[in-house]
Amino acid sequence: MLRTSSYQSIAACLESYGLTTERAAATHPQRCFTDPAEQRYALDTVTALGEDPSGKEARILPRPAAPVASSG
């Protein structure tokens, strides 16, 4: 689940099929931010959704300075 989006509508849809969702204790990195503006958006959005970005979106992960060339 991406924490910058609400999962409620997805959970409601799954529930209509008899499925349930639960919040896992652990989170997993999705990818690095493309730039500081994207990170700021994530921090602001996660905070507005009532979540704590500490140690998650607030953590700066290293990435190459230049885009990595695709091999495909």
Protein backbone atom coordinates (compact mmCIF):
# COMPACT_ATOMS: atom_id res chain seq x y z
CA MET A 1 0.00 0.00 0.00
CA LEU A 2 1.27 3.42 -0.83
CA ARG A 3 0.82 5.63 2.20
CA THR A 4 0.14 8.74 0.12
CA SER A 5 -3.26 7.35 -0.92
CA SER A 6 -6.25 6.23 1.06
CA TYR A 7 -6.83 2.48 0.97
CA GLN A 8 -10.43 2.72 2.23
CA SER A 9 -12.15 2.39 -1.16
CA ILE A 10 -10.03 -0.65 -2.06
CA ALA A 11 -10.74 -2.27 1.31
CA ALA A 12 -14.47 -1.63 0.83
CA CYS A 13 -14.41 -3.22 -2.63
CA LEU A 14 -12.55 -6.27 -1.32
CA GLU A 15 -14.99 -6.53 1.57
CA SER A 16 -17.88 -6.76 -0.92
CA TYR A 17 -16.23 -10.00 -2.11
CA GLY A 18 -15.95 -11.36 1.42
CA LEU A 19 -12.29 -10.42 1.81
CA THR A 20 -10.77 -8.49 4.66
CA THR A 21 -7.66 -6.34 4.88
CA GLU A 22 -5.43 -5.64 7.81
CA ARG A 23 -2.51 -3.34 8.43
CA ALA A 24 0.79 -5.18 8.56
CA ALA A 25 3.15 -4.34 11.41
CA ALA A 26 6.04 -3.79 9.01
CA THR A 27 6.30 -1.51 6.01
CA HIS A 28 8.53 -1.96 3.00
CA PRO A 29 10.22 0.66 0.84
CA GLN A 30 8.52 1.09 -2.53
CA ARG A 31 11.15 3.16 -4.34
CA CYS A 32 13.31 6.25 -3.91
CA PHE A 33 11.85 9.72 -4.35
CA THR A 34 12.58 11.34 -7.68
CA ASP A 35 13.38 14.70 -6.11
CA PRO A 36 12.91 16.76 -2.92
CA ALA A 37 9.53 18.05 -4.16
CA GLU A 38 8.14 14.52 -4.41
CA GLN A 39 9.42 13.74 -0.92
CA ARG A 40 7.78 16.92 0.45
CA TYR A 41 4.48 15.90 -1.22
CA ALA A 42 4.71 12.46 0.41
CA LEU A 43 5.51 13.92 3.84
CA ASP A 44 2.64 16.41 3.65
CA THR A 45 0.13 13.84 2.35
CA VAL A 46 1.04 11.12 4.84
CA THR A 47 0.80 13.62 7.69
CA ALA A 48 -2.58 14.88 6.42
CA LEU A 49 -3.83 11.28 6.40
CA GLY A 50 -2.95 11.04 10.11
CA GLU A 51 0.12 8.83 9.70
CA ASP A 52 3.62 9.45 11.04
CA PRO A 53 6.27 9.76 8.30
CA SER A 54 9.17 9.42 10.78
CA GLY A 55 11.56 6.68 9.69
CA LYS A 56 9.54 6.07 6.52
CA GLU A 57 8.95 8.87 4.00
CA ALA A 58 11.09 11.20 6.12
CA ARG A 59 14.05 8.87 5.74
CA ILE A 60 16.26 9.87 2.83
CA LEU A 61 17.45 6.87 0.85
CA PRO A 62 20.49 7.10 -1.37
CA ARG A 63 20.08 6.82 -5.14
CA PRO A 64 22.26 7.47 -8.17
CA ALA A 65 22.67 11.17 -9.02
CA ALA A 66 21.97 10.45 -12.68
CA PRO A 67 19.10 8.31 -13.97
CA VAL A 68 20.01 4.67 -14.44
CA ALA A 69 19.87 3.57 -18.07
CA SER A 70 17.26 0.95 -18.82
CA SER A 71 18.49 -2.30 -20.33
CA GLY A 72 15.26 -2.94 -22.21
